[in-house]
Structure formats: C-alpha cells, structure tokens
Amino acid sequence: TNPAQYAMILDIVNNLLLHVEPKRKEHSEKKQRVRFQLEISSNPEEQRSSILHLQESLRQHVLQIRQLEKQLYSITKSLQDESRNETLHEMHQKLQDQLSQEKADMQRRDRKS
C-alpha cells in the first residue's frame, strides 16, 4: 500500500471505531479533498498560481477585518467619552455590520475552497 491508501484506511477505521468531532472531521475532509486535487492536477504552475491567488484573497479579507476592528475600537472609545452622541452610535452600528459582513464573506469563501 502507498501512503495515500494507508491514510484512507486509517480514516475509515477512525470514523467507524472512534467518535470524531464534527469540526475536526470537516477540516480533515477538506484537507483530504485539497490533497486529492493536488494529486490529480498535472500542472504545478497552475497549483502555485491558484494557491497564491487564494492566499492574497485571504490576506485582503484579514486586512479589511483588521481595519474595521481598529475603526470600531476607536469609535467605541469615543462612545465611552461621549455616550450621548447619536452620530457615533450610528457609525458604531454601521462598522459592526460591515465587520460581520466581511467575516461572513470570508467564511463563505473558506467553505467553497
């Protein structure tokens, strides 16, 4: 047997005999799909460009989330000083919504991959 077959057999035995947490199982299945896709792909340069594209996309999402979190922190700090300022409350809510949307977009993209 080769390493891929051994890993598959080990996975089957683990799934049949041992309880696997759903998140861990989902992660393992995703990793296995990626490995399989890499094995059947014949063009390494295509793999490299695909990986680089996904990494760049992820970096952009993380950067956007960090910027929103910084803005949110700044507004939250200002709200503590001026708790009656309605404009700050509106900005705070808008940033919370943007942050939630960005995180949801990143999770959807992660599930597609």
N, C-alpha and C. Protein backbone atom coordinates (compact mmCIF):
# COMPACT_ATOMS: atom_id res chain seq x y z
N THR A 1 0.84 -1.19 0.00
CA THR A 1 0.00 0.00 0.00
C THR A 1 0.88 1.25 0.00
N ASN A 2 0.33 2.29 -0.55
CA ASN A 2 1.07 3.56 -0.55
C ASN A 2 0.53 4.46 0.56
N PRO A 3 1.19 5.58 0.83
CA PRO A 3 0.76 6.46 1.93
C PRO A 3 -0.68 6.97 1.81
N ALA A 4 -1.12 7.24 0.59
CA ALA A 4 -2.50 7.73 0.40
C ALA A 4 -3.51 6.66 0.79
N GLN A 5 -3.23 5.42 0.39
CA GLN A 5 -4.13 4.33 0.73
C GLN A 5 -4.13 4.08 2.24
N TYR A 6 -2.96 4.14 2.84
CA TYR A 6 -2.86 3.96 4.29
C TYR A 6 -3.66 5.04 5.02
N ALA A 7 -3.53 6.29 4.58
CA ALA A 7 -4.27 7.39 5.21
C ALA A 7 -5.77 7.18 5.06
N MET A 8 -6.21 6.70 3.90
CA MET A 8 -7.63 6.46 3.67
C MET A 8 -8.15 5.35 4.59
N ILE A 9 -7.40 4.27 4.71
CA ILE A 9 -7.80 3.16 5.58
C ILE A 9 -7.85 3.62 7.03
N LEU A 10 -6.83 4.36 7.44
CA LEU A 10 -6.79 4.88 8.81
C LEU A 10 -7.99 5.80 9.08
N ASP A 11 -8.35 6.62 8.10
CA ASP A 11 -9.50 7.49 8.25
C ASP A 11 -10.79 6.70 8.40
N ILE A 12 -10.95 5.66 7.59
CA ILE A 12 -12.15 4.82 7.67
C ILE A 12 -12.24 4.14 9.03
N VAL A 13 -11.14 3.58 9.50
CA VAL A 13 -11.13 2.92 10.80
C VAL A 13 -11.46 3.91 11.91
N ASN A 14 -10.85 5.08 11.84
CA ASN A 14 -11.13 6.11 12.85
C ASN A 14 -12.60 6.51 12.85
N ASN A 15 -13.18 6.67 11.67
CA ASN A 15 -14.58 7.06 11.59
C ASN A 15 -15.52 5.96 12.07
N LEU A 16 -15.15 4.72 11.84
CA LEU A 16 -16.01 3.61 12.27
C LEU A 16 -15.88 3.31 13.76
N LEU A 17 -14.68 3.36 14.27
CA LEU A 17 -14.45 2.94 15.64
C LEU A 17 -14.41 4.08 16.65
N LEU A 18 -14.01 5.24 16.24
CA LEU A 18 -13.84 6.35 17.16
C LEU A 18 -14.78 7.50 16.81
N HIS A 19 -15.20 8.18 17.83
CA HIS A 19 -16.02 9.37 17.59
C HIS A 19 -15.10 10.52 17.19
N VAL A 20 -15.44 11.20 16.10
CA VAL A 20 -14.65 12.34 15.64
C VAL A 20 -15.53 13.58 15.72
N GLU A 21 -14.99 14.62 16.33
CA GLU A 21 -15.75 15.86 16.44
C GLU A 21 -16.09 16.39 15.05
N PRO A 22 -17.30 16.92 14.87
CA PRO A 22 -17.73 17.38 13.54
C PRO A 22 -16.79 18.41 12.91
N LYS A 23 -16.31 19.38 13.67
CA LYS A 23 -15.41 20.40 13.11
C LYS A 23 -14.10 19.78 12.64
N ARG A 24 -13.57 18.89 13.47
CA ARG A 24 -12.32 18.24 13.11
C ARG A 24 -12.51 17.36 11.88
N LYS A 25 -13.63 16.67 11.83
CA LYS A 25 -13.92 15.81 10.67
C LYS A 25 -14.07 16.65 9.41
N GLU A 26 -14.77 17.77 9.52
CA GLU A 26 -14.95 18.66 8.37
C GLU A 26 -13.59 19.17 7.88
N HIS A 27 -12.74 19.57 8.81
CA HIS A 27 -11.41 20.06 8.45
C HIS A 27 -10.59 18.96 7.77
N SER A 28 -10.66 17.76 8.32
CA SER A 28 -9.92 16.64 7.76
C SER A 28 -10.40 16.32 6.34
N GLU A 29 -11.70 16.33 6.14
CA GLU A 29 -12.26 16.05 4.82
C GLU A 29 -11.83 17.12 3.81
N LYS A 30 -11.84 18.38 4.25
CA LYS A 30 -11.42 19.46 3.37
C LYS A 30 -9.95 19.31 2.98
N LYS A 31 -9.13 18.96 3.96
CA LYS A 31 -7.70 18.77 3.70
C LYS A 31 -7.50 17.60 2.74
N GLN A 32 -8.27 16.55 2.92
CA GLN A 32 -8.16 15.39 2.05
C GLN A 32 -8.57 15.74 0.61
N ARG A 33 -9.63 16.56 0.46
CA ARG A 33 -10.05 16.99 -0.88
C ARG A 33 -8.95 17.80 -1.56
N VAL A 34 -8.32 18.69 -0.81
CA VAL A 34 -7.25 19.51 -1.37
C VAL A 34 -6.09 18.62 -1.81
N ARG A 35 -5.72 17.66 -0.98
CA ARG A 35 -4.64 16.74 -1.36
C ARG A 35 -4.98 15.97 -2.64
N PHE A 36 -6.21 15.50 -2.71
CA PHE A 36 -6.64 14.76 -3.89
C PHE A 36 -6.58 15.65 -5.13
N GLN A 37 -7.05 16.89 -5.01
CA GLN A 37 -7.00 17.81 -6.14
C GLN A 37 -5.56 18.07 -6.58
N LEU A 38 -4.66 18.17 -5.62
CA LEU A 38 -3.26 18.38 -5.95
C LEU A 38 -2.66 17.17 -6.66
N GLU A 39 -3.08 15.98 -6.23
CA GLU A 39 -2.56 14.76 -6.86
C GLU A 39 -3.02 14.62 -8.30
N ILE A 40 -4.28 14.98 -8.59
CA ILE A 40 -4.78 14.78 -9.96
C ILE A 40 -4.40 15.93 -10.89
N SER A 41 -4.03 17.04 -10.33
CA SER A 41 -3.62 18.16 -11.16
C SER A 41 -2.23 17.88 -11.72
N SER A 42 -2.09 18.08 -13.01
CA SER A 42 -0.81 17.75 -13.64
C SER A 42 0.09 18.96 -13.81
N ASN A 43 -0.44 20.16 -13.57
CA ASN A 43 0.34 21.37 -13.81
C ASN A 43 0.71 22.04 -12.49
N PRO A 44 1.95 21.91 -12.04
CA PRO A 44 2.36 22.51 -10.77
C PRO A 44 2.27 24.04 -10.78
N GLU A 45 2.51 24.64 -11.93
CA GLU A 45 2.43 26.11 -12.01
C GLU A 45 0.99 26.58 -11.81
N GLU A 46 0.04 25.80 -12.29
CA GLU A 46 -1.37 26.12 -12.09
C GLU A 46 -1.72 26.04 -10.60
N GLN A 47 -1.20 25.03 -9.94
CA GLN A 47 -1.42 24.88 -8.50
C GLN A 47 -0.84 26.07 -7.75
N ARG A 48 0.36 26.44 -8.13
CA ARG A 48 1.04 27.55 -7.45
C ARG A 48 0.25 28.84 -7.61
N SER A 49 -0.19 29.14 -8.82
CA SER A 49 -0.92 30.38 -9.04
C SER A 49 -2.26 30.37 -8.31
N SER A 50 -2.90 29.22 -8.26
CA SER A 50 -4.17 29.10 -7.55
C SER A 50 -3.97 29.34 -6.06
N ILE A 51 -2.92 28.75 -5.50
CA ILE A 51 -2.62 28.91 -4.07
C ILE A 51 -2.29 30.37 -3.77
N LEU A 52 -1.47 30.97 -4.61
CA LEU A 52 -1.10 32.37 -4.40
C LEU A 52 -2.32 33.30 -4.47
N HIS A 53 -3.22 32.99 -5.40
CA HIS A 53 -4.44 33.79 -5.53
C HIS A 53 -5.30 33.67 -4.27
N LEU A 54 -5.46 32.46 -3.76
CA LEU A 54 -6.25 32.25 -2.56
C LEU A 54 -5.60 32.92 -1.34
N GLN A 55 -4.28 32.84 -1.25
CA GLN A 55 -3.58 33.49 -0.14
C GLN A 55 -3.77 35.00 -0.19
N GLU A 56 -3.65 35.57 -1.37
CA GLU A 56 -3.82 37.03 -1.50
C GLU A 56 -5.24 37.45 -1.14
N SER A 57 -6.20 36.67 -1.58
CA SER A 57 -7.59 36.97 -1.25
C SER A 57 -7.81 36.91 0.26
N LEU A 58 -7.26 35.91 0.90
CA LEU A 58 -7.38 35.77 2.35
C LEU A 58 -6.71 36.95 3.07
N ARG A 59 -5.53 37.34 2.59
CA ARG A 59 -4.84 38.48 3.19
C ARG A 59 -5.68 39.75 3.08
N GLN A 60 -6.32 39.94 1.95
CA GLN A 60 -7.16 41.13 1.77
C GLN A 60 -8.33 41.13 2.75
N HIS A 61 -8.96 39.97 2.92
CA HIS A 61 -10.08 39.87 3.87
C HIS A 61 -9.60 40.16 5.30
N VAL A 62 -8.47 39.59 5.67
CA VAL A 62 -7.94 39.80 7.02
C VAL A 62 -7.58 41.26 7.22
N LEU A 63 -6.97 41.88 6.22
CA LEU A 63 -6.62 43.30 6.30
C LEU A 63 -7.88 44.15 6.49
N GLN A 64 -8.92 43.85 5.72
CA GLN A 64 -10.18 44.59 5.83
C GLN A 64 -10.79 44.42 7.21
N ILE A 65 -10.76 43.21 7.73
CA ILE A 65 -11.30 42.95 9.07
C ILE A 65 -10.52 43.72 10.12
N ARG A 66 -9.19 43.71 10.01
CA ARG A 66 -8.36 44.45 10.99
C ARG A 66 -8.65 45.95 10.94
N GLN A 67 -8.81 46.50 9.74
CA GLN A 67 -9.12 47.92 9.63
C GLN A 67 -10.47 48.25 10.27
N LEU A 68 -11.45 47.41 10.01
CA LEU A 68 -12.77 47.62 10.61
C LEU A 68 -12.71 47.50 12.13
N GLU A 69 -11.94 46.54 12.62
CA GLU A 69 -11.81 46.38 14.07
C GLU A 69 -11.14 47.61 14.71
N LYS A 70 -10.14 48.17 14.04
CA LYS A 70 -9.48 49.37 14.56
C LYS A 70 -10.44 50.55 14.60
N GLN A 71 -11.19 50.72 13.52
CA GLN A 71 -12.18 51.81 13.48
C GLN A 71 -13.23 51.61 14.57
N LEU A 72 -13.66 50.39 14.72
CA LEU A 72 -14.67 50.07 15.73
C LEU A 72 -14.13 50.36 17.14
N TYR A 73 -12.89 50.00 17.39
CA TYR A 73 -12.28 50.28 18.68
C TYR A 73 -12.23 51.78 18.94
N SER A 74 -11.84 52.53 17.94
CA SER A 74 -11.74 53.98 18.08
C SER A 74 -13.11 54.60 18.40
N ILE A 75 -14.12 54.16 17.70
CA ILE A 75 -15.47 54.69 17.93
C ILE A 75 -15.99 54.25 19.30
N THR A 76 -15.71 53.02 19.69
CA THR A 76 -16.15 52.54 21.00
C THR A 76 -15.50 53.36 22.11
N LYS A 77 -14.24 53.68 21.94
CA LYS A 77 -13.55 54.51 22.92
C LYS A 77 -14.17 55.91 22.97
N SER A 78 -14.50 56.45 21.80
CA SER A 78 -15.14 57.77 21.76
C SER A 78 -16.53 57.73 22.39
N LEU A 79 -17.23 56.63 22.19
CA LEU A 79 -18.57 56.48 22.78
C LEU A 79 -18.50 56.47 24.30
N GLN A 80 -17.45 55.92 24.83
CA GLN A 80 -17.30 55.92 26.29
C GLN A 80 -17.17 57.35 26.82
N ASP A 81 -16.50 58.19 26.03
CA ASP A 81 -16.33 59.58 26.43
C ASP A 81 -17.60 60.42 26.19
N GLU A 82 -18.24 60.16 25.06
CA GLU A 82 -19.44 60.93 24.69
C GLU A 82 -20.59 59.97 24.43
N SER A 83 -21.16 59.44 25.47
CA SER A 83 -22.16 58.39 25.33
C SER A 83 -23.47 58.87 24.70
N ARG A 84 -23.69 60.17 24.60
CA ARG A 84 -24.96 60.67 24.06
C ARG A 84 -24.85 61.09 22.60
N ASN A 85 -23.73 60.91 21.98
CA ASN A 85 -23.52 61.33 20.59
C ASN A 85 -24.16 60.30 19.65
N GLU A 86 -25.25 60.69 19.02
CA GLU A 86 -26.02 59.78 18.15
C GLU A 86 -25.24 59.41 16.89
N THR A 87 -24.47 60.35 16.36
CA THR A 87 -23.68 60.06 15.16
C THR A 87 -22.68 58.95 15.42
N LEU A 88 -22.04 58.99 16.57
CA LEU A 88 -21.09 57.92 16.91
C LEU A 88 -21.79 56.58 17.06
N HIS A 89 -22.99 56.60 17.63
CA HIS A 89 -23.75 55.34 17.76
C HIS A 89 -24.06 54.77 16.38
N GLU A 90 -24.44 55.63 15.44
CA GLU A 90 -24.75 55.17 14.09
C GLU A 90 -23.51 54.63 13.40
N MET A 91 -22.38 55.33 13.55
CA MET A 91 -21.13 54.86 12.95
C MET A 91 -20.71 53.52 13.56
N HIS A 92 -20.90 53.40 14.85
CA HIS A 92 -20.57 52.15 15.54
C HIS A 92 -21.39 50.99 14.98
N GLN A 93 -22.67 51.20 14.83
CA GLN A 93 -23.54 50.14 14.30
C GLN A 93 -23.17 49.80 12.86
N LYS A 94 -22.89 50.82 12.06
CA LYS A 94 -22.52 50.60 10.66
C LYS A 94 -21.23 49.77 10.57
N LEU A 95 -20.23 50.10 11.39
CA LEU A 95 -18.99 49.35 11.38
C LEU A 95 -19.18 47.92 11.88
N GLN A 96 -20.04 47.75 12.87
CA GLN A 96 -20.34 46.39 13.36
C GLN A 96 -20.93 45.56 12.23
N ASP A 97 -21.85 46.17 11.48
CA ASP A 97 -22.48 45.46 10.36
C ASP A 97 -21.46 45.11 9.28
N GLN A 98 -20.57 46.06 8.95
CA GLN A 98 -19.54 45.81 7.94
C GLN A 98 -18.60 44.70 8.38
N LEU A 99 -18.23 44.73 9.65
CA LEU A 99 -17.34 43.71 10.18
C LEU A 99 -17.99 42.33 10.11
N SER A 100 -19.23 42.25 10.50
CA SER A 100 -19.95 40.98 10.44
C SER A 100 -20.05 40.47 9.01
N GLN A 101 -20.33 41.38 8.08
CA GLN A 101 -20.45 41.00 6.67
C GLN A 101 -19.11 40.50 6.12
N GLU A 102 -18.04 41.19 6.45
CA GLU A 102 -16.71 40.78 5.98
C GLU A 102 -16.33 39.41 6.52
N LYS A 103 -16.62 39.16 7.79
CA LYS A 103 -16.32 37.85 8.38
C LYS A 103 -17.17 36.76 7.73
N ALA A 104 -18.43 37.07 7.46
CA ALA A 104 -19.31 36.10 6.80
C ALA A 104 -18.82 35.80 5.38
N ASP A 105 -18.37 36.83 4.66
CA ASP A 105 -17.83 36.63 3.31
C ASP A 105 -16.60 35.73 3.34
N MET A 106 -15.75 35.96 4.33
CA MET A 106 -14.53 35.16 4.44
C MET A 106 -14.88 33.71 4.76
N GLN A 107 -15.87 33.49 5.63
CA GLN A 107 -16.26 32.12 5.96
C GLN A 107 -16.89 31.43 4.75
N ARG A 108 -17.71 32.14 3.99
CA ARG A 108 -18.29 31.54 2.77
C ARG A 108 -17.21 31.16 1.79
N ARG A 109 -16.24 32.04 1.62
CA ARG A 109 -15.15 31.76 0.69
C ARG A 109 -14.33 30.56 1.17
N ASP A 110 -14.13 30.47 2.49
CA ASP A 110 -13.38 29.36 3.06
C ASP A 110 -14.11 28.04 2.83
N ARG A 111 -15.42 28.06 2.92
CA ARG A 111 -16.20 26.82 2.72
C ARG A 111 -16.17 26.38 1.27
N LYS A 112 -16.09 27.35 0.33
CA LYS A 112 -16.04 27.00 -1.09
C LYS A 112 -14.73 26.32 -1.45
N SER A 113 -13.67 26.76 -0.80
CA SER A 113 -12.32 26.24 -1.16
C SER A 113 -12.16 24.80 -0.77
